[in-house]
Amino acid sequence: MNKDIPEISLQRLPVYLNYLRSLTDEDGKYISSGAIASALKLGEVLVRKDLAYTSSAGRPKVGYVRTELIAALEEYLGCNDIKNAILVGAGGLGSALLAYGGFGKYGIQVVEAYDSDPEKVGSVVGGKHVLSVSDIPNGIKQHNAKLAVVAVPAQAAQAVCDMLFNCGIKGILNFAPVFITSPENVVVRNIDVAANLAILASMI
């Protein structure tokens, strides 16, 4: 279903959802596309087009029922379906990601972490056990994981991802500062924190 939506629109849906979740009953039962657009500094027509991909429909003069719009966004984004993920690389960034509590808001459960450092193997980070990278195939099979977060050094990233591809992982969030080559049936999103910060710095 999500393949029919432009990627840029899909990226905005969680932004709408987070904003709507931040509202309270005191903000009213209804919310208009104009109010959402104003709060997020977006165009009203753009917001309406994005929300049209979900099952929620606005009502003339009053807008959307806020709870119904939240439910429609959660359904479209698959927040109600638990999806298991693993994390590879339990260093500084990986440990911070393991401690992050926001994955559950989108139905994602990081079940285990893996690392090649013997000093990290056997530890517990963010409530998750850190296992050896040699245990990855068994872990993916046991938990039926289809998603992975990769936070390993650049030089190890492609080999790690190749292993994940071979084990059935279909989506990777890559924090290693290197481009990953992947099969056509696997989606990889590259998040280069330093590069994004550099872009931000160039804009101010």
N, C-alpha and C. Protein backbone atom coordinates (compact mmCIF):
# COMPACT_ATOMS: atom_id res chain seq x y z
N MET A 1 0.83 -1.20 0.00
CA MET A 1 0.00 0.00 0.00
C MET A 1 0.86 1.25 0.00
N ASN A 2 1.92 1.28 0.80
CA ASN A 2 2.76 2.46 0.91
C ASN A 2 3.58 2.72 -0.34
N LYS A 3 3.62 1.75 -1.27
CA LYS A 3 4.38 1.94 -2.49
C LYS A 3 3.70 2.95 -3.41
N ASP A 4 2.41 3.21 -3.20
CA ASP A 4 1.68 4.12 -4.06
C ASP A 4 1.87 5.59 -3.67
N ILE A 5 2.46 5.83 -2.55
CA ILE A 5 2.63 7.19 -2.05
C ILE A 5 4.04 7.69 -2.37
N PRO A 6 4.20 8.93 -2.81
CA PRO A 6 5.55 9.47 -3.02
C PRO A 6 6.34 9.42 -1.72
N GLU A 7 7.62 9.13 -1.81
CA GLU A 7 8.44 8.97 -0.61
C GLU A 7 8.44 10.24 0.25
N ILE A 8 8.45 11.41 -0.40
CA ILE A 8 8.48 12.65 0.37
C ILE A 8 7.20 12.83 1.18
N SER A 9 6.07 12.37 0.63
CA SER A 9 4.80 12.42 1.37
C SER A 9 4.81 11.42 2.52
N LEU A 10 5.35 10.23 2.26
CA LEU A 10 5.43 9.21 3.30
C LEU A 10 6.29 9.69 4.46
N GLN A 11 7.35 10.43 4.17
CA GLN A 11 8.22 10.94 5.22
C GLN A 11 7.51 11.97 6.11
N ARG A 12 6.52 12.64 5.56
CA ARG A 12 5.80 13.64 6.35
C ARG A 12 4.73 13.04 7.23
N LEU A 13 4.23 11.86 6.92
CA LEU A 13 3.15 11.28 7.71
C LEU A 13 3.51 11.11 9.19
N PRO A 14 4.70 10.60 9.53
CA PRO A 14 5.05 10.52 10.95
C PRO A 14 5.11 11.89 11.62
N VAL A 15 5.46 12.93 10.85
CA VAL A 15 5.50 14.29 11.41
C VAL A 15 4.08 14.71 11.80
N TYR A 16 3.12 14.45 10.93
CA TYR A 16 1.73 14.75 11.25
C TYR A 16 1.27 13.97 12.48
N LEU A 17 1.64 12.69 12.50
CA LEU A 17 1.21 11.83 13.60
C LEU A 17 1.78 12.32 14.92
N ASN A 18 3.05 12.66 14.95
CA ASN A 18 3.66 13.15 16.19
C ASN A 18 3.00 14.43 16.66
N TYR A 19 2.69 15.31 15.73
CA TYR A 19 2.04 16.56 16.11
C TYR A 19 0.65 16.29 16.69
N LEU A 20 -0.12 15.47 16.03
CA LEU A 20 -1.48 15.17 16.49
C LEU A 20 -1.46 14.48 17.85
N ARG A 21 -0.49 13.61 18.05
CA ARG A 21 -0.37 12.92 19.35
C ARG A 21 -0.03 13.89 20.47
N SER A 22 0.62 15.00 20.12
CA SER A 22 1.01 15.98 21.14
C SER A 22 -0.16 16.83 21.62
N LEU A 23 -1.26 16.80 20.89
CA LEU A 23 -2.43 17.60 21.26
C LEU A 23 -3.22 16.92 22.37
N THR A 24 -4.02 17.67 23.07
CA THR A 24 -4.85 17.14 24.16
C THR A 24 -6.32 17.39 23.85
N ASP A 25 -7.18 16.87 24.71
CA ASP A 25 -8.62 17.07 24.54
C ASP A 25 -8.98 18.55 24.56
N GLU A 26 -8.17 19.33 25.25
CA GLU A 26 -8.44 20.76 25.33
C GLU A 26 -8.27 21.45 23.97
N ASP A 27 -7.57 20.78 23.06
CA ASP A 27 -7.38 21.35 21.73
C ASP A 27 -8.57 21.11 20.81
N GLY A 28 -9.56 20.39 21.30
CA GLY A 28 -10.77 20.19 20.53
C GLY A 28 -10.85 18.84 19.85
N LYS A 29 -12.08 18.49 19.44
CA LYS A 29 -12.35 17.20 18.79
C LYS A 29 -11.87 17.21 17.35
N TYR A 30 -11.98 18.35 16.69
CA TYR A 30 -11.66 18.44 15.27
C TYR A 30 -10.37 19.24 15.05
N ILE A 31 -9.75 18.95 13.93
CA ILE A 31 -8.58 19.75 13.53
C ILE A 31 -8.59 19.87 12.01
N SER A 32 -8.30 21.03 11.51
CA SER A 32 -8.32 21.26 10.07
C SER A 32 -6.93 21.07 9.47
N SER A 33 -6.91 20.85 8.16
CA SER A 33 -5.63 20.75 7.47
C SER A 33 -4.88 22.08 7.56
N GLY A 34 -5.63 23.17 7.61
CA GLY A 34 -5.00 24.47 7.74
C GLY A 34 -4.29 24.63 9.07
N ALA A 35 -4.91 24.13 10.14
CA ALA A 35 -4.30 24.22 11.47
C ALA A 35 -3.03 23.38 11.53
N ILE A 36 -3.07 22.19 10.92
CA ILE A 36 -1.88 21.33 10.88
C ILE A 36 -0.78 22.02 10.08
N ALA A 37 -1.15 22.56 8.93
CA ALA A 37 -0.19 23.23 8.07
C ALA A 37 0.46 24.41 8.79
N SER A 38 -0.36 25.19 9.49
CA SER A 38 0.16 26.35 10.20
C SER A 38 1.13 25.95 11.30
N ALA A 39 0.78 24.89 12.05
CA ALA A 39 1.63 24.45 13.16
C ALA A 39 2.96 23.91 12.66
N LEU A 40 2.95 23.26 11.50
CA LEU A 40 4.16 22.61 10.99
C LEU A 40 4.85 23.42 9.91
N LYS A 41 4.30 24.63 9.63
CA LYS A 41 4.88 25.51 8.62
C LYS A 41 4.94 24.84 7.25
N LEU A 42 3.81 24.25 6.86
CA LEU A 42 3.68 23.60 5.56
C LEU A 42 2.51 24.22 4.82
N GLY A 43 2.38 23.92 3.54
CA GLY A 43 1.25 24.41 2.76
C GLY A 43 0.00 23.60 3.05
N GLU A 44 -1.14 24.26 3.12
CA GLU A 44 -2.38 23.56 3.44
C GLU A 44 -2.74 22.54 2.36
N VAL A 45 -2.57 22.90 1.11
CA VAL A 45 -2.88 21.97 0.01
C VAL A 45 -1.98 20.74 0.10
N LEU A 46 -0.72 20.95 0.44
CA LEU A 46 0.22 19.84 0.59
C LEU A 46 -0.23 18.90 1.69
N VAL A 47 -0.65 19.45 2.82
CA VAL A 47 -1.11 18.63 3.94
C VAL A 47 -2.33 17.81 3.52
N ARG A 48 -3.28 18.45 2.86
CA ARG A 48 -4.49 17.74 2.44
C ARG A 48 -4.15 16.58 1.48
N LYS A 49 -3.22 16.84 0.56
CA LYS A 49 -2.83 15.78 -0.38
C LYS A 49 -2.16 14.62 0.34
N ASP A 50 -1.30 14.94 1.31
CA ASP A 50 -0.63 13.88 2.06
C ASP A 50 -1.64 13.04 2.84
N LEU A 51 -2.56 13.71 3.52
CA LEU A 51 -3.53 12.99 4.36
C LEU A 51 -4.52 12.20 3.52
N ALA A 52 -4.68 12.57 2.25
CA ALA A 52 -5.61 11.86 1.37
C ALA A 52 -5.15 10.43 1.10
N TYR A 53 -3.88 10.13 1.34
CA TYR A 53 -3.38 8.77 1.15
C TYR A 53 -3.87 7.84 2.27
N THR A 54 -4.30 8.40 3.38
CA THR A 54 -4.81 7.58 4.48
C THR A 54 -6.31 7.39 4.30
N SER A 55 -6.91 6.63 5.21
CA SER A 55 -8.34 6.33 5.11
C SER A 55 -9.20 7.42 5.73
N SER A 56 -8.59 8.43 6.33
CA SER A 56 -9.35 9.48 7.00
C SER A 56 -9.80 10.54 6.00
N ALA A 57 -11.01 11.04 6.19
CA ALA A 57 -11.54 12.08 5.31
C ALA A 57 -11.98 13.28 6.14
N GLY A 58 -11.59 14.45 5.70
CA GLY A 58 -11.98 15.66 6.40
C GLY A 58 -13.45 15.98 6.17
N ARG A 59 -14.02 16.72 7.10
CA ARG A 59 -15.42 17.11 6.99
C ARG A 59 -15.50 18.60 6.70
N PRO A 60 -16.43 18.99 5.81
CA PRO A 60 -16.54 20.40 5.44
C PRO A 60 -16.68 21.31 6.66
N LYS A 61 -15.92 22.37 6.67
CA LYS A 61 -15.96 23.43 7.67
C LYS A 61 -15.39 23.07 9.04
N VAL A 62 -15.30 21.78 9.36
CA VAL A 62 -14.78 21.41 10.69
C VAL A 62 -13.44 20.68 10.62
N GLY A 63 -13.15 20.03 9.50
CA GLY A 63 -11.89 19.33 9.37
C GLY A 63 -11.97 17.85 9.72
N TYR A 64 -10.91 17.35 10.30
CA TYR A 64 -10.81 15.94 10.64
C TYR A 64 -11.15 15.71 12.11
N VAL A 65 -11.78 14.58 12.41
CA VAL A 65 -11.89 14.16 13.80
C VAL A 65 -10.49 13.72 14.22
N ARG A 66 -9.95 14.39 15.21
CA ARG A 66 -8.53 14.20 15.55
C ARG A 66 -8.20 12.74 15.86
N THR A 67 -9.02 12.09 16.67
CA THR A 67 -8.74 10.70 17.03
C THR A 67 -8.82 9.77 15.82
N GLU A 68 -9.74 10.07 14.90
CA GLU A 68 -9.87 9.25 13.69
C GLU A 68 -8.68 9.45 12.77
N LEU A 69 -8.18 10.67 12.70
CA LEU A 69 -7.02 10.94 11.86
C LEU A 69 -5.78 10.27 12.43
N ILE A 70 -5.64 10.31 13.75
CA ILE A 70 -4.51 9.62 14.39
C ILE A 70 -4.57 8.13 14.08
N ALA A 71 -5.76 7.54 14.22
CA ALA A 71 -5.92 6.11 13.97
C ALA A 71 -5.62 5.77 12.52
N ALA A 72 -6.04 6.65 11.59
CA ALA A 72 -5.79 6.40 10.17
C ALA A 72 -4.29 6.46 9.86
N LEU A 73 -3.60 7.42 10.45
CA LEU A 73 -2.16 7.53 10.24
C LEU A 73 -1.43 6.33 10.85
N GLU A 74 -1.85 5.92 12.05
CA GLU A 74 -1.22 4.76 12.69
C GLU A 74 -1.43 3.51 11.85
N GLU A 75 -2.62 3.36 11.30
CA GLU A 75 -2.91 2.20 10.47
C GLU A 75 -2.06 2.21 9.20
N TYR A 76 -1.98 3.37 8.56
CA TYR A 76 -1.23 3.47 7.32
C TYR A 76 0.26 3.21 7.54
N LEU A 77 0.78 3.70 8.65
CA LEU A 77 2.20 3.53 8.96
C LEU A 77 2.52 2.18 9.61
N GLY A 78 1.48 1.39 9.88
CA GLY A 78 1.70 0.07 10.46
C GLY A 78 2.08 0.09 11.92
N CYS A 79 1.68 1.15 12.62
CA CYS A 79 2.06 1.28 14.04
C CYS A 79 1.41 0.21 14.92
N ASN A 80 0.32 -0.37 14.45
CA ASN A 80 -0.41 -1.33 15.27
C ASN A 80 0.08 -2.77 15.06
N ASP A 81 1.00 -2.94 14.14
CA ASP A 81 1.56 -4.27 13.86
C ASP A 81 2.98 -4.33 14.41
N ILE A 82 3.22 -5.20 15.36
CA ILE A 82 4.54 -5.32 15.96
C ILE A 82 5.53 -5.89 14.96
N LYS A 83 6.61 -5.18 14.74
CA LYS A 83 7.65 -5.62 13.80
C LYS A 83 8.97 -5.71 14.56
N ASN A 84 9.57 -6.87 14.55
CA ASN A 84 10.83 -7.08 15.26
C ASN A 84 12.02 -6.58 14.44
N ALA A 85 12.95 -5.95 15.15
CA ALA A 85 14.17 -5.45 14.51
C ALA A 85 15.36 -5.83 15.37
N ILE A 86 16.52 -5.88 14.74
CA ILE A 86 17.77 -6.11 15.48
C ILE A 86 18.68 -4.91 15.26
N LEU A 87 19.66 -4.76 16.13
CA LEU A 87 20.65 -3.69 15.98
C LEU A 87 22.03 -4.31 15.95
N VAL A 88 22.85 -3.87 15.01
CA VAL A 88 24.22 -4.37 14.90
C VAL A 88 25.17 -3.21 15.15
N GLY A 89 26.00 -3.35 16.17
CA GLY A 89 26.94 -2.30 16.55
C GLY A 89 26.51 -1.62 17.83
N ALA A 90 26.98 -2.13 18.96
CA ALA A 90 26.55 -1.61 20.26
C ALA A 90 27.57 -0.66 20.86
N GLY A 91 28.17 0.17 20.01
CA GLY A 91 29.11 1.18 20.49
C GLY A 91 28.37 2.40 21.02
N GLY A 92 29.00 3.57 20.91
CA GLY A 92 28.37 4.77 21.46
C GLY A 92 27.03 5.08 20.84
N LEU A 93 26.98 5.16 19.50
CA LEU A 93 25.73 5.47 18.82
C LEU A 93 24.73 4.33 18.97
N GLY A 94 25.20 3.11 18.80
CA GLY A 94 24.31 1.96 18.93
C GLY A 94 23.69 1.87 20.31
N SER A 95 24.48 2.14 21.34
CA SER A 95 23.97 2.10 22.71
C SER A 95 22.90 3.17 22.92
N ALA A 96 23.13 4.35 22.34
CA ALA A 96 22.13 5.42 22.45
C ALA A 96 20.83 5.02 21.76
N LEU A 97 20.94 4.35 20.62
CA LEU A 97 19.75 3.91 19.91
C LEU A 97 19.01 2.83 20.69
N LEU A 98 19.76 1.96 21.36
CA LEU A 98 19.12 0.92 22.17
C LEU A 98 18.36 1.52 23.35
N ALA A 99 18.86 2.63 23.86
CA ALA A 99 18.21 3.29 25.00
C ALA A 99 17.03 4.16 24.57
N TYR A 100 16.94 4.42 23.27
CA TYR A 100 15.87 5.27 22.76
C TYR A 100 14.53 4.55 22.89
N GLY A 101 13.55 5.22 23.45
CA GLY A 101 12.26 4.58 23.69
C GLY A 101 11.19 4.86 22.67
N GLY A 102 11.56 5.49 21.54
CA GLY A 102 10.54 5.91 20.59
C GLY A 102 10.14 4.88 19.54
N PHE A 103 10.90 3.80 19.40
CA PHE A 103 10.57 2.83 18.36
C PHE A 103 9.17 2.22 18.55
N GLY A 104 8.82 1.97 19.81
CA GLY A 104 7.54 1.34 20.10
C GLY A 104 6.35 2.13 19.63
N LYS A 105 6.49 3.44 19.50
CA LYS A 105 5.38 4.28 19.04
C LYS A 105 4.97 3.95 17.62
N TYR A 106 5.86 3.29 16.90
CA TYR A 106 5.58 2.93 15.51
C TYR A 106 5.49 1.41 15.34
N GLY A 107 5.31 0.70 16.44
CA GLY A 107 5.14 -0.74 16.37
C GLY A 107 6.42 -1.50 16.13
N ILE A 108 7.56 -0.86 16.36
CA ILE A 108 8.85 -1.51 16.13
C ILE A 108 9.49 -1.91 17.46
N GLN A 109 9.91 -3.15 17.54
CA GLN A 109 10.51 -3.67 18.76
C GLN A 109 11.92 -4.16 18.45
N VAL A 110 12.92 -3.45 19.00
CA VAL A 110 14.30 -3.92 18.85
C VAL A 110 14.52 -5.04 19.85
N VAL A 111 14.68 -6.25 19.34
CA VAL A 111 14.68 -7.42 20.23
C VAL A 111 16.07 -7.78 20.74
N GLU A 112 17.10 -7.56 19.93
CA GLU A 112 18.46 -7.92 20.35
C GLU A 112 19.47 -7.02 19.67
N ALA A 113 20.67 -6.99 20.25
CA ALA A 113 21.78 -6.25 19.66
C ALA A 113 22.96 -7.20 19.47
N TYR A 114 23.82 -6.84 18.53
CA TYR A 114 24.97 -7.70 18.21
C TYR A 114 26.22 -6.83 18.04
N ASP A 115 27.36 -7.39 18.42
CA ASP A 115 28.61 -6.66 18.30
C ASP A 115 29.75 -7.67 18.15
N SER A 116 30.85 -7.21 17.55
CA SER A 116 32.01 -8.07 17.36
C SER A 116 33.03 -7.94 18.48
N ASP A 117 32.83 -6.96 19.37
CA ASP A 117 33.76 -6.71 20.47
C ASP A 117 33.46 -7.67 21.63
N PRO A 118 34.39 -8.55 21.97
CA PRO A 118 34.16 -9.51 23.06
C PRO A 118 33.80 -8.84 24.38
N GLU A 119 34.28 -7.60 24.58
CA GLU A 119 33.97 -6.91 25.83
C GLU A 119 32.52 -6.44 25.90
N LYS A 120 31.89 -6.28 24.76
CA LYS A 120 30.48 -5.87 24.73
C LYS A 120 29.54 -7.07 24.74
N VAL A 121 29.99 -8.17 24.15
CA VAL A 121 29.16 -9.37 24.08
C VAL A 121 28.86 -9.87 25.49
N GLY A 122 27.62 -10.13 25.76
CA GLY A 122 27.20 -10.59 27.08
C GLY A 122 26.68 -9.49 27.97
N SER A 123 26.86 -8.25 27.55
CA SER A 123 26.37 -7.12 28.34
C SER A 123 24.90 -6.86 28.01
N VAL A 124 24.30 -5.97 28.79
CA VAL A 124 22.91 -5.56 28.56
C VAL A 124 22.92 -4.05 28.39
N VAL A 125 22.42 -3.57 27.27
CA VAL A 125 22.38 -2.14 26.96
C VAL A 125 20.94 -1.74 26.64
N GLY A 126 20.44 -0.78 27.36
CA GLY A 126 19.07 -0.35 27.11
C GLY A 126 18.07 -1.46 27.30
N GLY A 127 18.39 -2.41 28.16
CA GLY A 127 17.49 -3.53 28.41
C GLY A 127 17.59 -4.63 27.37
N LYS A 128 18.52 -4.50 26.43
CA LYS A 128 18.68 -5.51 25.39
C LYS A 128 20.00 -6.24 25.55
N HIS A 129 19.98 -7.55 25.36
CA HIS A 129 21.19 -8.35 25.45
C HIS A 129 22.04 -8.14 24.19
N VAL A 130 23.33 -8.00 24.39
CA VAL A 130 24.27 -7.86 23.28
C VAL A 130 24.91 -9.21 23.02
N LEU A 131 24.69 -9.73 21.83
CA LEU A 131 25.21 -11.04 21.45
C LEU A 131 26.31 -10.89 20.41
N SER A 132 26.99 -11.98 20.12
CA SER A 132 28.05 -11.98 19.11
C SER A 132 27.43 -11.89 17.72
N VAL A 133 28.15 -11.24 16.80
CA VAL A 133 27.65 -11.14 15.43
C VAL A 133 27.47 -12.52 14.81
N SER A 134 28.16 -13.51 15.31
CA SER A 134 28.00 -14.87 14.78
C SER A 134 26.62 -15.44 15.08
N ASP A 135 25.92 -14.82 16.05
CA ASP A 135 24.58 -15.27 16.41
C ASP A 135 23.48 -14.60 15.59
N ILE A 136 23.86 -13.70 14.68
CA ILE A 136 22.86 -12.96 13.92
C ILE A 136 21.91 -13.86 13.13
N PRO A 137 22.41 -14.85 12.37
CA PRO A 137 21.47 -15.68 11.60
C PRO A 137 20.42 -16.37 12.47
N ASN A 138 20.84 -16.92 13.61
CA ASN A 138 19.89 -17.57 14.50
C ASN A 138 18.91 -16.57 15.10
N GLY A 139 19.41 -15.39 15.46
CA GLY A 139 18.54 -14.38 16.06
C GLY A 139 17.48 -13.89 15.10
N ILE A 140 17.85 -13.65 13.86
CA ILE A 140 16.90 -13.20 12.86
C ILE A 140 15.82 -14.26 12.63
N LYS A 141 16.24 -15.51 12.56
CA LYS A 141 15.29 -16.60 12.35
C LYS A 141 14.38 -16.77 13.56
N GLN A 142 14.95 -16.73 14.76
CA GLN A 142 14.17 -16.93 15.98
C GLN A 142 13.11 -15.86 16.17
N HIS A 143 13.46 -14.61 15.87
CA HIS A 143 12.54 -13.50 16.10
C HIS A 143 11.78 -13.08 14.84
N ASN A 144 12.04 -13.76 13.74
CA ASN A 144 11.41 -13.41 12.46
C ASN A 144 11.59 -11.92 12.18
N ALA A 145 12.79 -11.43 12.39
CA ALA A 145 13.08 -10.01 12.20
C ALA A 145 13.25 -9.71 10.72
N LYS A 146 12.64 -8.62 10.29
CA LYS A 146 12.76 -8.17 8.90
C LYS A 146 13.45 -6.81 8.81
N LEU A 147 13.69 -6.18 9.96
CA LEU A 147 14.31 -4.86 10.00
C LEU A 147 15.60 -4.90 10.80
N ALA A 148 16.55 -4.04 10.42
CA ALA A 148 17.81 -3.97 11.16
C ALA A 148 18.30 -2.54 11.20
N VAL A 149 18.94 -2.20 12.31
CA VAL A 149 19.61 -0.92 12.47
C VAL A 149 21.11 -1.23 12.49
N VAL A 150 21.86 -0.55 11.64
CA VAL A 150 23.29 -0.80 11.54
C VAL A 150 24.05 0.44 12.02
N ALA A 151 24.86 0.24 13.05
CA ALA A 151 25.65 1.34 13.63
C ALA A 151 27.08 0.88 13.83
N VAL A 152 27.66 0.36 12.77
CA VAL A 152 29.03 -0.17 12.82
C VAL A 152 29.97 0.79 12.10
N PRO A 153 31.30 0.64 12.27
CA PRO A 153 32.24 1.48 11.54
C PRO A 153 32.06 1.33 10.03
N ALA A 154 32.42 2.37 9.29
CA ALA A 154 32.20 2.40 7.84
C ALA A 154 32.82 1.19 7.14
N GLN A 155 34.00 0.80 7.56
CA GLN A 155 34.71 -0.28 6.87
C GLN A 155 34.03 -1.64 7.04
N ALA A 156 33.18 -1.77 8.04
CA ALA A 156 32.51 -3.05 8.28
C ALA A 156 31.07 -3.06 7.78
N ALA A 157 30.56 -1.91 7.38
CA ALA A 157 29.12 -1.79 7.10
C ALA A 157 28.64 -2.67 5.96
N GLN A 158 29.34 -2.68 4.82
CA GLN A 158 28.85 -3.46 3.69
C GLN A 158 28.84 -4.95 3.99
N ALA A 159 29.88 -5.46 4.65
CA ALA A 159 29.93 -6.88 4.99
C ALA A 159 28.80 -7.24 5.96
N VAL A 160 28.56 -6.38 6.93
CA VAL A 160 27.47 -6.63 7.88
C VAL A 160 26.13 -6.65 7.16
N CYS A 161 25.92 -5.67 6.28
CA CYS A 161 24.66 -5.61 5.56
C CYS A 161 24.48 -6.79 4.62
N ASP A 162 25.56 -7.23 3.98
CA ASP A 162 25.47 -8.41 3.11
C ASP A 162 25.01 -9.62 3.91
N MET A 163 25.53 -9.76 5.13
CA MET A 163 25.09 -10.85 6.00
C MET A 163 23.60 -10.72 6.31
N LEU A 164 23.18 -9.51 6.60
CA LEU A 164 21.77 -9.28 6.92
C LEU A 164 20.87 -9.59 5.73
N PHE A 165 21.30 -9.18 4.53
CA PHE A 165 20.53 -9.48 3.33
C PHE A 165 20.35 -10.99 3.18
N ASN A 166 21.45 -11.71 3.36
CA ASN A 166 21.43 -13.17 3.18
C ASN A 166 20.56 -13.86 4.22
N CYS A 167 20.36 -13.19 5.36
CA CYS A 167 19.55 -13.78 6.43
C CYS A 167 18.08 -13.38 6.34
N GLY A 168 17.72 -12.62 5.32
CA GLY A 168 16.30 -12.31 5.13
C GLY A 168 15.86 -10.93 5.58
N ILE A 169 16.79 -10.08 6.00
CA ILE A 169 16.41 -8.72 6.39
C ILE A 169 15.95 -7.95 5.15
N LYS A 170 14.83 -7.22 5.27
CA LYS A 170 14.25 -6.52 4.12
C LYS A 170 14.36 -5.00 4.23
N GLY A 171 14.71 -4.50 5.39
CA GLY A 171 14.84 -3.06 5.56
C GLY A 171 15.95 -2.74 6.53
N ILE A 172 16.83 -1.81 6.15
CA ILE A 172 17.97 -1.46 7.00
C ILE A 172 18.03 0.05 7.19
N LEU A 173 18.18 0.46 8.45
CA LEU A 173 18.46 1.86 8.77
C LEU A 173 19.95 1.92 9.05
N ASN A 174 20.70 2.52 8.12
CA ASN A 174 22.15 2.49 8.18
C ASN A 174 22.71 3.81 8.71
N PHE A 175 23.36 3.75 9.86
CA PHE A 175 24.00 4.92 10.45
C PHE A 175 25.50 4.98 10.14
N ALA A 176 26.03 3.96 9.48
CA ALA A 176 27.45 4.00 9.10
C ALA A 176 27.63 5.04 8.00
N PRO A 177 28.67 5.86 8.07
CA PRO A 177 28.86 6.93 7.09
C PRO A 177 29.41 6.41 5.77
N VAL A 178 28.67 5.52 5.12
CA VAL A 178 29.10 4.93 3.86
C VAL A 178 27.86 4.46 3.11
N PHE A 179 27.90 4.55 1.78
CA PHE A 179 26.78 4.10 0.95
C PHE A 179 26.76 2.58 0.91
N ILE A 180 25.58 2.00 1.08
CA ILE A 180 25.42 0.56 1.09
C ILE A 180 24.79 0.09 -0.22
N THR A 181 25.43 -0.89 -0.86
CA THR A 181 24.85 -1.52 -2.04
C THR A 181 23.93 -2.65 -1.59
N SER A 182 22.69 -2.66 -2.10
CA SER A 182 21.71 -3.63 -1.63
C SER A 182 20.97 -4.26 -2.79
N PRO A 183 20.39 -5.43 -2.56
CA PRO A 183 19.54 -6.05 -3.59
C PRO A 183 18.30 -5.19 -3.84
N GLU A 184 17.65 -5.40 -4.98
CA GLU A 184 16.49 -4.60 -5.34
C GLU A 184 15.33 -4.78 -4.37
N ASN A 185 15.24 -5.94 -3.73
CA ASN A 185 14.10 -6.22 -2.84
C ASN A 185 14.36 -5.80 -1.40
N VAL A 186 15.44 -5.05 -1.16
CA VAL A 186 15.76 -4.58 0.19
C VAL A 186 15.83 -3.05 0.17
N VAL A 187 15.22 -2.46 1.19
CA VAL A 187 15.22 -1.00 1.31
C VAL A 187 16.27 -0.59 2.34
N VAL A 188 17.15 0.32 1.94
CA VAL A 188 18.17 0.83 2.86
C VAL A 188 18.02 2.34 2.97
N ARG A 189 17.92 2.83 4.19
CA ARG A 189 17.90 4.27 4.43
C ARG A 189 19.20 4.64 5.13
N ASN A 190 19.96 5.54 4.52
CA ASN A 190 21.25 5.94 5.06
C ASN A 190 21.12 7.23 5.86
N ILE A 191 21.55 7.19 7.11
CA ILE A 191 21.51 8.35 7.99
C ILE A 191 22.94 8.71 8.39
N ASP A 192 23.51 9.69 7.70
CA ASP A 192 24.86 10.15 8.02
C ASP A 192 24.71 11.37 8.93
N VAL A 193 24.87 11.18 10.22
CA VAL A 193 24.64 12.24 11.19
C VAL A 193 25.57 13.42 10.94
N ALA A 194 26.86 13.15 10.72
CA ALA A 194 27.82 14.22 10.52
C ALA A 194 27.52 15.02 9.26
N ALA A 195 27.17 14.32 8.18
CA ALA A 195 26.87 15.00 6.93
C ALA A 195 25.64 15.88 7.06
N ASN A 196 24.63 15.40 7.76
CA ASN A 196 23.43 16.19 7.97
C ASN A 196 23.71 17.42 8.83
N LEU A 197 24.58 17.26 9.80
CA LEU A 197 24.96 18.39 10.64
C LEU A 197 25.74 19.42 9.81
N ALA A 198 26.58 18.93 8.90
CA ALA A 198 27.33 19.83 8.01
C ALA A 198 26.39 20.62 7.11
N ILE A 199 25.36 19.94 6.60
CA ILE A 199 24.37 20.62 5.76
C ILE A 199 23.65 21.69 6.56
N LEU A 200 23.30 21.33 7.80
CA LEU A 200 22.61 22.29 8.67
C LEU A 200 23.51 23.51 8.93
N ALA A 201 24.78 23.25 9.16
CA ALA A 201 25.71 24.35 9.45
C ALA A 201 25.85 25.30 8.26
N SER A 202 25.78 24.71 7.05
CA SER A 202 25.92 25.53 5.84
C SER A 202 24.71 26.40 5.58
N MET A 203 23.60 26.11 6.26
CA MET A 203 22.35 26.84 6.03
C MET A 203 22.15 28.00 7.01
N ILE A 204 23.07 28.15 7.96
CA ILE A 204 22.89 29.21 8.97
C ILE A 204 23.98 30.29 8.84
